[in-house]
C-alpha atoms as a PDB file:
ATOM      1  CA  MET A   1     197.797-115.325  -0.877  1.00  0.00           C
ATOM      2  CA  LEU A   2     194.316-113.999  -1.612  1.00  0.00           C
ATOM      3  CA  THR A   3     192.475-115.295  -4.663  1.00  0.00           C
ATOM      4  CA  ALA A   4     189.455-113.198  -5.670  1.00  0.00           C
ATOM      5  CA  ALA A   5     189.523-112.469  -9.409  1.00  0.00           C
ATOM      6  CA  GLY A   6     188.791-108.999 -10.747  1.00  0.00           C
ATOM      7  CA  GLN A   7     189.702-107.055  -7.634  1.00  0.00           C
ATOM      8  CA  THR A   8     190.992-103.488  -7.581  1.00  0.00           C
ATOM      9  CA  PRO A   9     194.136-102.578  -5.605  1.00  0.00           C
ATOM     10  CA  ARG A  10     191.898-101.029  -2.897  1.00  0.00           C
ATOM     11  CA  GLN A  11     189.905-104.273  -2.573  1.00  0.00           C
ATOM     12  CA  VAL A  12     193.112-106.305  -2.268  1.00  0.00           C
ATOM     13  CA  ALA A  13     194.399-103.892   0.389  1.00  0.00           C
ATOM     14  CA  ASP A  14     191.093-104.197   2.286  1.00  0.00           C
ATOM     15  CA  GLU A  15     191.443-107.986   2.245  1.00  0.00           C
ATOM     16  CA  LEU A  16     195.018-107.715   3.497  1.00  0.00           C
ATOM     17  CA  VAL A  17     193.817-105.501   6.358  1.00  0.00           C
ATOM     18  CA  LYS A  18     191.153-108.057   7.312  1.00  0.00           C
ATOM     19  CA  GLU A  19     193.695-110.870   7.237  1.00  0.00           C
ATOM     20  CA  ALA A  20     196.131-108.850   9.354  1.00  0.00           C
ATOM     21  CA  LEU A  21     193.401-108.212  11.928  1.00  0.00           C
ATOM     22  CA  ARG A  22     192.715-111.963  12.098  1.00  0.00           C
ATOM     23  CA  ARG A  23     196.420-112.376  12.857  1.00  0.00           C
ATOM     24  CA  ASP A  24     196.220-109.887  15.744  1.00  0.00           C
ATOM     25  CA  VAL A  25     197.905-106.948  14.027  1.00  0.00           C
ATOM     26  CA  PRO A  26     196.507-103.839  15.748  1.00  0.00           C
ATOM     27  CA  ARG A  27     193.815-102.108  13.669  1.00  0.00           C
ATOM     28  CA  GLU A  28     195.754 -98.829  13.452  1.00  0.00           C
ATOM     29  CA  VAL A  29     198.798-100.620  12.034  1.00  0.00           C
ATOM     30  CA  ALA A  30     196.765-102.723   9.590  1.00  0.00           C
ATOM     31  CA  GLU A  31     194.756 -99.769   8.297  1.00  0.00           C
ATOM     32  CA  GLU A  32     197.864 -97.615   7.940  1.00  0.00           C
ATOM     33  CA  ALA A  33     199.497-100.422   5.949  1.00  0.00           C
ATOM     34  CA  GLY A  34     196.406-100.727   3.736  1.00  0.00           C
ATOM     35  CA  HIS A  35     196.373 -97.014   2.895  1.00  0.00           C
ATOM     36  CA  ALA A  36     200.131 -96.926   2.325  1.00  0.00           C
ATOM     37  CA  THR A  37     199.906 -99.965   0.051  1.00  0.00           C
ATOM     38  CA  VAL A  38     197.312 -98.396  -2.222  1.00  0.00           C
ATOM     39  CA  ARG A  39     199.364 -95.187  -2.401  1.00  0.00           C
ATOM     40  CA  GLY A  40     202.713 -96.928  -2.789  1.00  0.00           C
ATOM     41  CA  VAL A  41     201.986 -99.559  -5.419  1.00  0.00           C
ATOM     42  CA  ARG A  42     201.174 -98.024  -8.755  1.00  0.00           C
ATOM     43  CA  ALA A  43     198.920-100.608 -10.365  1.00  0.00           C
ATOM     44  CA  PRO A  44     197.736-100.378 -13.954  1.00  0.00           C
ATOM     45  CA  GLY A  45     194.010 -99.795 -14.471  1.00  0.00           C
ATOM     46  CA  GLY A  46     191.663-102.756 -14.480  1.00  0.00           C
ATOM     47  CA  PRO A  47     191.680-105.896 -12.373  1.00  0.00           C
ATOM     48  CA  VAL A  48     194.760-106.768 -10.343  1.00  0.00           C
ATOM     49  CA  THR A  49     197.063-109.261 -12.043  1.00  0.00           C
ATOM     50  CA  PRO A  50     198.804-112.032 -10.076  1.00  0.00           C
ATOM     51  CA  GLN A  51     202.081-110.096 -10.328  1.00  0.00           C
ATOM     52  CA  THR A  52     200.472-106.901  -9.001  1.00  0.00           C
ATOM     53  CA  ARG A  53     198.807-108.884  -6.204  1.00  0.00           C
ATOM     54  CA  ARG A  54     202.224-110.168  -5.103  1.00  0.00           C
ATOM     55  CA  ARG A  55     203.562-106.597  -5.139  1.00  0.00           C
ATOM     56  CA  LEU A  56     200.587-105.393  -3.048  1.00  0.00           C
ATOM     57  CA  GLU A  57     201.042-108.212  -0.533  1.00  0.00           C
ATOM     58  CA  ALA A  58     204.789-107.611  -0.265  1.00  0.00           C
ATOM     59  CA  TYR A  59     204.340-103.857   0.170  1.00  0.00           C
ATOM     60  CA  PHE A  60     201.655-104.342   2.833  1.00  0.00           C
ATOM     61  CA  SER A  61     203.882-106.750   4.779  1.00  0.00           C
ATOM     62  CA  ALA A  62     206.816-104.359   4.552  1.00  0.00           C
ATOM     63  CA  VAL A  63     204.744-101.498   5.958  1.00  0.00           C
ATOM     64  CA  VAL A  64     203.625-103.649   8.902  1.00  0.00           C
ATOM     65  CA  ARG A  65     207.205-104.785   9.552  1.00  0.00           C
ATOM     66  CA  ARG A  66     208.514-101.215   9.298  1.00  0.00           C
ATOM     67  CA  HIS A  67     205.907-100.059  11.810  1.00  0.00           C
ATOM     68  CA  VAL A  68     206.924-102.796  14.218  1.00  0.00           C
ATOM     69  CA  VAL A  69     210.654-102.449  13.921  1.00  0.00           C
ATOM     70  CA  ARG A  70     211.190 -98.726  13.171  1.00  0.00           C
ATOM     71  CA  ARG A  71     214.917 -99.157  13.542  1.00  0.00           C
ATOM     72  CA  CYS A  72     214.484-100.066  17.229  1.00  0.00           C
ATOM     73  CA  ALA A  73     215.076-103.109  19.364  1.00  0.00           C
ATOM     74  CA  ALA A  74     212.359-105.748  19.783  1.00  0.00           C
ATOM     75  CA  PRO A  75     211.083-104.451  23.163  1.00  0.00           C
ATOM     76  CA  ARG A  76     210.260-101.105  21.549  1.00  0.00           C
ATOM     77  CA  ALA A  77     208.451-102.870  18.727  1.00  0.00           C
ATOM     78  CA  ALA A  78     206.404-104.829  21.241  1.00  0.00           C
ATOM     79  CA  ALA A  79     205.653-101.595  23.115  1.00  0.00           C
ATOM     80  CA  ARG A  80     204.292-100.049  19.903  1.00  0.00           C
ATOM     81  CA  PHE A  81     201.934-102.981  19.477  1.00  0.00           C
ATOM     82  CA  VAL A  82     200.777-102.616  23.083  1.00  0.00           C
ATOM     83  CA  VAL A  83     200.105 -98.897  22.653  1.00  0.00           C
ATOM     84  CA  ALA A  84     198.305 -99.407  19.336  1.00  0.00           C
ATOM     85  CA  SER A  85     196.130-102.107  20.911  1.00  0.00           C
ATOM     86  CA  VAL A  86     195.286 -99.948  23.919  1.00  0.00           C
ATOM     87  CA  ILE A  87     194.353 -97.063  21.613  1.00  0.00           C
ATOM     88  CA  GLU A  88     192.125 -99.364  19.583  1.00  0.00           C
ATOM     89  CA  ASP A  89     190.429-100.698  22.706  1.00  0.00           C
ATOM     90  CA  LEU A  90     189.813 -97.203  24.077  1.00  0.00           C
ATOM     91  CA  ARG A  91     188.446 -95.981  20.752  1.00  0.00           C
ATOM     92  CA  GLY A  92     186.131 -98.984  20.811  1.00  0.00           C
ATOM     93  CA  THR A  93     184.636 -97.637  24.032  1.00  0.00           C
ATOM     94  CA  GLY A  94     183.985 -94.272  22.418  1.00  0.00           C
ATOM     95  CA  ARG A  95     186.967 -92.397  23.818  1.00  0.00           C
ATOM     96  CA  GLU A  96     188.866 -89.996  21.586  1.00  0.00           C
ATOM     97  CA  GLY A  97     192.173 -88.145  21.160  1.00  0.00           C
ATOM     98  CA  ALA A  98     193.297 -86.271  24.250  1.00  0.00           C
ATOM     99  CA  ASP A  99     191.227 -88.491  26.546  1.00  0.00           C
ATOM    100  CA  ILE A 100     193.056 -91.545  25.188  1.00  0.00           C
ATOM    101  CA  TRP A 101     196.381 -89.745  25.589  1.00  0.00           C
ATOM    102  CA  ASP A 102     195.578 -89.002  29.248  1.00  0.00           C
ATOM    103  CA  GLU A 103     194.699 -92.653  29.841  1.00  0.00           C
ATOM    104  CA  LEU A 104     197.960 -93.797  28.225  1.00  0.00           C
ATOM    105  CA  GLN A 105     199.938 -91.477  30.476  1.00  0.00           C
ATOM    106  CA  ARG A 106     198.088 -92.611  33.613  1.00  0.00           C
ATOM    107  CA  GLY A 107     197.990 -96.326  32.936  1.00  0.00           C
ATOM    108  CA  TRP A 108     200.941 -97.118  30.710  1.00  0.00           C
ATOM    109  CA  ALA A 109     203.687 -94.542  31.271  1.00  0.00           C
ATOM    110  CA  GLN A 110     205.442 -96.809  33.776  1.00  0.00           C
ATOM    111  CA  SER A 111     205.651 -99.795  31.419  1.00  0.00           C
ATOM    112  CA  ILE A 112     206.117 -98.181  27.984  1.00  0.00           C
ATOM    113  CA  PRO A 113     209.327 -96.305  27.094  1.00  0.00           C
ATOM    114  CA  VAL A 114     208.625 -92.572  27.127  1.00  0.00           C
ATOM    115  CA  ASP A 115     209.921 -92.015  23.584  1.00  0.00           C
ATOM    116  CA  VAL A 116     207.633 -94.746  22.219  1.00  0.00           C
ATOM    117  CA  LEU A 117     204.659 -93.305  24.076  1.00  0.00           C
ATOM    118  CA  GLU A 118     205.491 -89.813  22.778  1.00  0.00           C
ATOM    119  CA  GLU A 119     205.268 -91.079  19.174  1.00  0.00           C
ATOM    120  CA  TYR A 120     201.504 -91.305  19.658  1.00  0.00           C
ATOM    121  CA  ARG A 121     200.936 -87.832  21.115  1.00  0.00           C
ATOM    122  CA  PRO A 122     200.679 -86.038  17.725  1.00  0.00           C
ATOM    123  CA  ARG A 123     198.194 -88.620  16.461  1.00  0.00           C
ATOM    124  CA  LEU A 124     196.007 -88.249  19.516  1.00  0.00           C
ATOM    125  CA  CYS A 125     196.410 -84.594  20.440  1.00  0.00           C
ATOM    126  CA  GLY A 126     197.439 -82.903  17.232  1.00  0.00           C
END
């Protein structure tokens, strides 16, 4: 549990993202969870209370879990983490959208289920 007094919901979500990255959650997943948490938890104005902090942390964790599981078996969840990590690595080298999609098809299509790989096409090419 994070313990900085006087934080806003956005600041708490940013801290949760940083912690998730330290725990090897792919950046795309962590950032998506951070944005969804701020949108999903309606916090009263002013500093975050301990109760609201617990709600933010629980919501963030649920978003990460939902991304991993997505009503699929564990191998598909692991495949999503692999794809998200590859995308992050390629973006880190300056590659973008369709170029990343081409690389995924060339280098990963044999080891990632096609339907899992296709989930990323709209994000990269759309």
